[in-house]
Amino acid sequence: MPHKLTPIHQAFFNLLKKKKYSEISIAEIAAYAHIGRRTFYLHYENKLQLYDELLGDFIEYHINPFIFSDTAENNLRDKLRIVIQEIDKFMDVALCLFDPDCPKTADSHLMTLLDEQQKKHENEGFFLRRFENPKTQRHYNHLICENLISNIYFILENRDMDREALLDEMCKALDTISQYYRISA
């Protein structure tokens, strides 16, 4: 991740590399960070808040710039290729944050990013389709987020798979969602 990790972040990552999320205690995080539990609680209410912050940062720095921003290539395949490269580059972090034992909060981060991008842009790009019916819009955004998260898990589970074949599979899934909404919208 591009920004400097605090001792609390680093301690948490080191523990996630060794143990399941559910097995890590606040006391362990504090001990690894060389701080007291009270100091931990000055920064975070609980372990989930720390995890959520790290996951949000990962998505903001390694997914958002390539999928949702104007600076990314407009071609969906190129965007997903860059996401694969980013996940490959930060595989150890991604494996920790997207471990099946960890809380499933990635979808809320992606939904927030989609909502923010929706407000910035009217009708640009694959992910930023606008529907008159707010329920349809929310459903579409939710499907895109779930698919992106599924793709991240797919990348992590298929680390040895040829990257072009992986990319083909990811594009097929997103194209299916897009085609459905082009027909039914």
C-alpha atoms as a PDB file:
ATOM      1  CA  MET A   1       0.000   0.000   0.000  1.00  0.00           C
ATOM      2  CA  PRO A   2       1.438   3.376  -0.974  1.00  0.00           C
ATOM      3  CA  HIS A   3       1.055   5.227   2.323  1.00  0.00           C
ATOM      4  CA  LYS A   4       3.081   4.573   5.455  1.00  0.00           C
ATOM      5  CA  LEU A   5       1.648   1.893   7.678  1.00  0.00           C
ATOM      6  CA  THR A   6       1.403   2.697  11.354  1.00  0.00           C
ATOM      7  CA  PRO A   7       2.851   0.273  13.917  1.00  0.00           C
ATOM      8  CA  ILE A   8      -0.726  -0.862  14.635  1.00  0.00           C
ATOM      9  CA  HIS A   9      -1.319  -1.611  10.928  1.00  0.00           C
ATOM     10  CA  GLN A  10       1.985  -3.430  10.613  1.00  0.00           C
ATOM     11  CA  ALA A  11       1.334  -5.477  13.750  1.00  0.00           C
ATOM     12  CA  PHE A  12      -2.099  -6.467  12.476  1.00  0.00           C
ATOM     13  CA  PHE A  13      -0.712  -7.504   9.062  1.00  0.00           C
ATOM     14  CA  ASN A  14       2.041  -9.556  10.700  1.00  0.00           C
ATOM     15  CA  LEU A  15      -0.542 -11.329  12.837  1.00  0.00           C
ATOM     16  CA  LEU A  16      -2.847 -11.919   9.839  1.00  0.00           C
ATOM     17  CA  LYS A  17       0.022 -13.657   8.075  1.00  0.00           C
ATOM     18  CA  LYS A  18       0.340 -16.080  10.995  1.00  0.00           C
ATOM     19  CA  LYS A  19      -3.196 -16.501  12.311  1.00  0.00           C
ATOM     20  CA  LYS A  20      -6.832 -16.333  11.332  1.00  0.00           C
ATOM     21  CA  TYR A  21      -8.627 -13.026  11.879  1.00  0.00           C
ATOM     22  CA  SER A  22     -10.902 -14.593  14.495  1.00  0.00           C
ATOM     23  CA  GLU A  23      -7.892 -15.823  16.505  1.00  0.00           C
ATOM     24  CA  ILE A  24      -6.261 -12.387  16.814  1.00  0.00           C
ATOM     25  CA  SER A  25      -6.947 -10.378  19.950  1.00  0.00           C
ATOM     26  CA  ILE A  26      -6.609  -6.662  20.634  1.00  0.00           C
ATOM     27  CA  ALA A  27      -3.998  -7.526  23.282  1.00  0.00           C
ATOM     28  CA  GLU A  28      -1.894  -9.322  20.643  1.00  0.00           C
ATOM     29  CA  ILE A  29      -2.140  -6.417  18.206  1.00  0.00           C
ATOM     30  CA  ALA A  30      -1.119  -3.999  20.960  1.00  0.00           C
ATOM     31  CA  ALA A  31       1.788  -6.210  22.043  1.00  0.00           C
ATOM     32  CA  TYR A  32       3.068  -6.579  18.471  1.00  0.00           C
ATOM     33  CA  ALA A  33       2.761  -2.810  17.980  1.00  0.00           C
ATOM     34  CA  HIS A  34       4.562  -2.165  21.282  1.00  0.00           C
ATOM     35  CA  ILE A  35       1.675  -0.128  22.629  1.00  0.00           C
ATOM     36  CA  GLY A  36      -0.844  -0.602  25.414  1.00  0.00           C
ATOM     37  CA  ARG A  37      -4.414  -1.735  24.864  1.00  0.00           C
ATOM     38  CA  ARG A  38      -5.616   1.713  25.917  1.00  0.00           C
ATOM     39  CA  THR A  39      -3.517   3.279  23.160  1.00  0.00           C
ATOM     40  CA  PHE A  40      -5.113   0.895  20.668  1.00  0.00           C
ATOM     41  CA  TYR A  41      -8.556   1.992  21.844  1.00  0.00           C
ATOM     42  CA  LEU A  42      -7.604   5.656  21.391  1.00  0.00           C
ATOM     43  CA  HIS A  43      -7.318   4.913  17.670  1.00  0.00           C
ATOM     44  CA  TYR A  44      -9.908   2.166  17.112  1.00  0.00           C
ATOM     45  CA  GLU A  45     -13.092   1.019  18.775  1.00  0.00           C
ATOM     46  CA  ASN A  46     -12.389  -2.613  17.932  1.00  0.00           C
ATOM     47  CA  LYS A  47     -10.470  -4.979  15.654  1.00  0.00           C
ATOM     48  CA  LEU A  48     -13.137  -4.765  12.954  1.00  0.00           C
ATOM     49  CA  GLN A  49     -12.652  -1.006  12.639  1.00  0.00           C
ATOM     50  CA  LEU A  50      -8.902  -1.518  12.135  1.00  0.00           C
ATOM     51  CA  TYR A  51      -9.519  -4.261   9.568  1.00  0.00           C
ATOM     52  CA  ASP A  52     -12.145  -2.155   7.798  1.00  0.00           C
ATOM     53  CA  GLU A  53      -9.759   0.816   7.549  1.00  0.00           C
ATOM     54  CA  LEU A  54      -7.002  -1.334   6.030  1.00  0.00           C
ATOM     55  CA  LEU A  55      -9.395  -2.983   3.578  1.00  0.00           C
ATOM     56  CA  GLY A  56     -10.816   0.412   2.591  1.00  0.00           C
ATOM     57  CA  ASP A  57      -7.306   1.748   1.993  1.00  0.00           C
ATOM     58  CA  PHE A  58      -6.401  -1.266  -0.147  1.00  0.00           C
ATOM     59  CA  ILE A  59      -9.502  -0.842  -2.286  1.00  0.00           C
ATOM     60  CA  GLU A  60      -9.026   2.922  -2.538  1.00  0.00           C
ATOM     61  CA  TYR A  61      -5.352   2.688  -3.566  1.00  0.00           C
ATOM     62  CA  HIS A  62      -5.294  -0.542  -5.592  1.00  0.00           C
ATOM     63  CA  ILE A  63      -8.766  -1.033  -7.079  1.00  0.00           C
ATOM     64  CA  ASN A  64     -10.443   2.380  -7.339  1.00  0.00           C
ATOM     65  CA  PRO A  65      -7.745   4.144  -9.422  1.00  0.00           C
ATOM     66  CA  PHE A  66      -7.997   1.541 -12.151  1.00  0.00           C
ATOM     67  CA  ILE A  67     -11.682   0.651 -12.220  1.00  0.00           C
ATOM     68  CA  PHE A  68     -13.581   3.813 -11.354  1.00  0.00           C
ATOM     69  CA  SER A  69     -11.352   6.765 -12.202  1.00  0.00           C
ATOM     70  CA  ASP A  70     -11.070   8.848 -15.348  1.00  0.00           C
ATOM     71  CA  THR A  71      -7.319   8.250 -15.531  1.00  0.00           C
ATOM     72  CA  ALA A  72      -7.701   4.528 -16.159  1.00  0.00           C
ATOM     73  CA  GLU A  73      -7.947   3.065 -19.608  1.00  0.00           C
ATOM     74  CA  ASN A  74     -11.511   3.088 -20.936  1.00  0.00           C
ATOM     75  CA  ASN A  75     -11.330  -0.521 -22.086  1.00  0.00           C
ATOM     76  CA  LEU A  76     -12.764  -2.891 -19.452  1.00  0.00           C
ATOM     77  CA  ARG A  77     -10.209  -5.578 -20.267  1.00  0.00           C
ATOM     78  CA  ASP A  78      -7.329  -3.129 -19.739  1.00  0.00           C
ATOM     79  CA  LYS A  79      -8.799  -1.989 -16.421  1.00  0.00           C
ATOM     80  CA  LEU A  80      -9.136  -5.550 -15.161  1.00  0.00           C
ATOM     81  CA  ARG A  81      -5.612  -6.394 -16.375  1.00  0.00           C
ATOM     82  CA  ILE A  82      -4.270  -3.544 -14.242  1.00  0.00           C
ATOM     83  CA  VAL A  83      -6.301  -4.755 -11.225  1.00  0.00           C
ATOM     84  CA  ILE A  84      -4.752  -8.237 -11.658  1.00  0.00           C
ATOM     85  CA  GLN A  85      -1.290  -6.664 -11.803  1.00  0.00           C
ATOM     86  CA  GLU A  86      -1.971  -4.621  -8.663  1.00  0.00           C
ATOM     87  CA  ILE A  87      -3.207  -7.658  -6.763  1.00  0.00           C
ATOM     88  CA  ASP A  88      -0.211  -9.671  -7.967  1.00  0.00           C
ATOM     89  CA  LYS A  89       2.099  -6.869  -6.831  1.00  0.00           C
ATOM     90  CA  PHE A  90       0.522  -6.760  -3.359  1.00  0.00           C
ATOM     91  CA  MET A  91      -0.421 -10.441  -3.128  1.00  0.00           C
ATOM     92  CA  ASP A  92       0.652 -10.860   0.509  1.00  0.00           C
ATOM     93  CA  VAL A  93      -1.527  -7.927   1.600  1.00  0.00           C
ATOM     94  CA  ALA A  94      -4.477  -9.060  -0.543  1.00  0.00           C
ATOM     95  CA  LEU A  95      -4.252 -12.602   0.819  1.00  0.00           C
ATOM     96  CA  CYS A  96      -4.467 -11.214   4.360  1.00  0.00           C
ATOM     97  CA  LEU A  97      -7.317  -8.779   3.688  1.00  0.00           C
ATOM     98  CA  PHE A  98      -9.425 -11.116   1.569  1.00  0.00           C
ATOM     99  CA  ASP A  99      -8.919 -14.203   3.704  1.00  0.00           C
ATOM    100  CA  PRO A 100     -12.207 -16.146   3.985  1.00  0.00           C
ATOM    101  CA  ASP A 101     -11.987 -15.858   7.785  1.00  0.00           C
ATOM    102  CA  CYS A 102     -12.022 -12.039   7.640  1.00  0.00           C
ATOM    103  CA  PRO A 103     -15.229  -9.990   7.782  1.00  0.00           C
ATOM    104  CA  LYS A 104     -16.924  -9.433   4.432  1.00  0.00           C
ATOM    105  CA  THR A 105     -16.906  -5.636   4.244  1.00  0.00           C
ATOM    106  CA  ALA A 106     -15.314  -5.137   0.813  1.00  0.00           C
ATOM    107  CA  ASP A 107     -18.722  -4.788  -0.835  1.00  0.00           C
ATOM    108  CA  SER A 108     -19.616  -1.764   1.288  1.00  0.00           C
ATOM    109  CA  HIS A 109     -16.336  -0.061   0.322  1.00  0.00           C
ATOM    110  CA  LEU A 110     -16.936  -0.711  -3.366  1.00  0.00           C
ATOM    111  CA  MET A 111     -20.565   0.447  -3.101  1.00  0.00           C
ATOM    112  CA  THR A 112     -19.389   3.699  -1.506  1.00  0.00           C
ATOM    113  CA  LEU A 113     -16.890   4.216  -4.331  1.00  0.00           C
ATOM    114  CA  LEU A 114     -19.555   3.476  -6.941  1.00  0.00           C
ATOM    115  CA  ASP A 115     -21.953   5.922  -5.306  1.00  0.00           C
ATOM    116  CA  GLU A 116     -19.249   8.625  -5.209  1.00  0.00           C
ATOM    117  CA  GLN A 117     -18.352   8.059  -8.845  1.00  0.00           C
ATOM    118  CA  GLN A 118     -22.029   8.052  -9.806  1.00  0.00           C
ATOM    119  CA  LYS A 119     -22.373  11.561  -8.373  1.00  0.00           C
ATOM    120  CA  LYS A 120     -19.277  12.807 -10.235  1.00  0.00           C
ATOM    121  CA  HIS A 121     -20.161  11.471 -13.671  1.00  0.00           C
ATOM    122  CA  GLU A 122     -23.445  11.310 -15.488  1.00  0.00           C
ATOM    123  CA  ASN A 123     -23.302   8.453 -17.984  1.00  0.00           C
ATOM    124  CA  GLU A 124     -19.684   7.539 -18.521  1.00  0.00           C
ATOM    125  CA  GLY A 125     -18.194   4.096 -18.809  1.00  0.00           C
ATOM    126  CA  PHE A 126     -19.176   0.558 -18.096  1.00  0.00           C
ATOM    127  CA  PHE A 127     -19.462   0.828 -14.315  1.00  0.00           C
ATOM    128  CA  LEU A 128     -21.166   4.197 -14.232  1.00  0.00           C
ATOM    129  CA  ARG A 129     -24.436   3.432 -16.002  1.00  0.00           C
ATOM    130  CA  ARG A 130     -27.325   5.579 -14.842  1.00  0.00           C
ATOM    131  CA  PHE A 131     -30.866   4.242 -14.460  1.00  0.00           C
ATOM    132  CA  GLU A 132     -34.024   6.254 -13.840  1.00  0.00           C
ATOM    133  CA  ASN A 133     -35.240   3.853 -11.199  1.00  0.00           C
ATOM    134  CA  PRO A 134     -33.057   4.131  -8.043  1.00  0.00           C
ATOM    135  CA  LYS A 135     -33.792   0.500  -7.154  1.00  0.00           C
ATOM    136  CA  THR A 136     -32.485  -0.637 -10.539  1.00  0.00           C
ATOM    137  CA  GLN A 137     -29.405   1.571 -10.094  1.00  0.00           C
ATOM    138  CA  ARG A 138     -28.694   0.154  -6.640  1.00  0.00           C
ATOM    139  CA  HIS A 139     -29.228  -3.421  -7.838  1.00  0.00           C
ATOM    140  CA  TYR A 140     -26.875  -2.895 -10.791  1.00  0.00           C
ATOM    141  CA  ASN A 141     -24.198  -1.321  -8.561  1.00  0.00           C
ATOM    142  CA  HIS A 142     -24.568  -4.165  -6.074  1.00  0.00           C
ATOM    143  CA  LEU A 143     -24.084  -6.786  -8.809  1.00  0.00           C
ATOM    144  CA  ILE A 144     -20.999  -4.993 -10.126  1.00  0.00           C
ATOM    145  CA  CYS A 145     -19.517  -4.807  -6.616  1.00  0.00           C
ATOM    146  CA  GLU A 146     -20.232  -8.451  -5.891  1.00  0.00           C
ATOM    147  CA  ASN A 147     -18.684  -9.421  -9.209  1.00  0.00           C
ATOM    148  CA  LEU A 148     -15.553  -7.338  -8.587  1.00  0.00           C
ATOM    149  CA  ILE A 149     -15.146  -8.914  -5.157  1.00  0.00           C
ATOM    150  CA  SER A 150     -15.697 -12.371  -6.635  1.00  0.00           C
ATOM    151  CA  ASN A 151     -13.045 -11.551  -9.220  1.00  0.00           C
ATOM    152  CA  ILE A 152     -10.589 -10.549  -6.496  1.00  0.00           C
ATOM    153  CA  TYR A 153     -11.178 -13.888  -4.749  1.00  0.00           C
ATOM    154  CA  PHE A 154     -10.871 -15.609  -8.136  1.00  0.00           C
ATOM    155  CA  ILE A 155      -7.477 -13.930  -8.707  1.00  0.00           C
ATOM    156  CA  LEU A 156      -6.271 -14.960  -5.244  1.00  0.00           C
ATOM    157  CA  GLU A 157      -7.482 -18.551  -5.584  1.00  0.00           C
ATOM    158  CA  ASN A 158      -5.980 -18.935  -9.065  1.00  0.00           C
ATOM    159  CA  ARG A 159      -2.566 -17.416  -8.495  1.00  0.00           C
ATOM    160  CA  ASP A 160      -0.966 -19.992 -10.827  1.00  0.00           C
ATOM    161  CA  MET A 161      -3.505 -19.588 -13.645  1.00  0.00           C
ATOM    162  CA  ASP A 162      -2.446 -17.936 -16.891  1.00  0.00           C
ATOM    163  CA  ARG A 163      -3.299 -14.247 -16.520  1.00  0.00           C
ATOM    164  CA  GLU A 164      -4.921 -13.907 -19.961  1.00  0.00           C
ATOM    165  CA  ALA A 165      -7.210 -16.881 -19.258  1.00  0.00           C
ATOM    166  CA  LEU A 166      -8.035 -15.354 -15.881  1.00  0.00           C
ATOM    167  CA  LEU A 167      -8.807 -12.058 -17.583  1.00  0.00           C
ATOM    168  CA  ASP A 168     -11.084 -13.789 -20.108  1.00  0.00           C
ATOM    169  CA  GLU A 169     -13.116 -15.356 -17.290  1.00  0.00           C
ATOM    170  CA  MET A 170     -13.449 -12.036 -15.453  1.00  0.00           C
ATOM    171  CA  CYS A 171     -14.548 -10.175 -18.581  1.00  0.00           C
ATOM    172  CA  LYS A 172     -17.159 -12.814 -19.410  1.00  0.00           C
ATOM    173  CA  ALA A 173     -18.798 -12.398 -16.006  1.00  0.00           C
ATOM    174  CA  LEU A 174     -18.890  -8.591 -16.177  1.00  0.00           C
ATOM    175  CA  ASP A 175     -20.113  -8.661 -19.785  1.00  0.00           C
ATOM    176  CA  THR A 176     -22.990 -10.919 -18.725  1.00  0.00           C
ATOM    177  CA  ILE A 177     -24.116  -8.399 -16.105  1.00  0.00           C
ATOM    178  CA  SER A 178     -23.791  -5.547 -18.584  1.00  0.00           C
ATOM    179  CA  GLN A 179     -25.748  -7.394 -21.284  1.00  0.00           C
ATOM    180  CA  TYR A 180     -28.555  -8.179 -18.852  1.00  0.00           C
ATOM    181  CA  TYR A 181     -28.960  -4.512 -17.978  1.00  0.00           C
ATOM    182  CA  ARG A 182     -28.730  -3.353 -21.594  1.00  0.00           C
ATOM    183  CA  ILE A 183     -31.632  -5.653 -22.407  1.00  0.00           C
ATOM    184  CA  SER A 184     -33.762  -4.967 -19.341  1.00  0.00           C
ATOM    185  CA  ALA A 185     -32.995  -1.279 -18.741  1.00  0.00           C
END
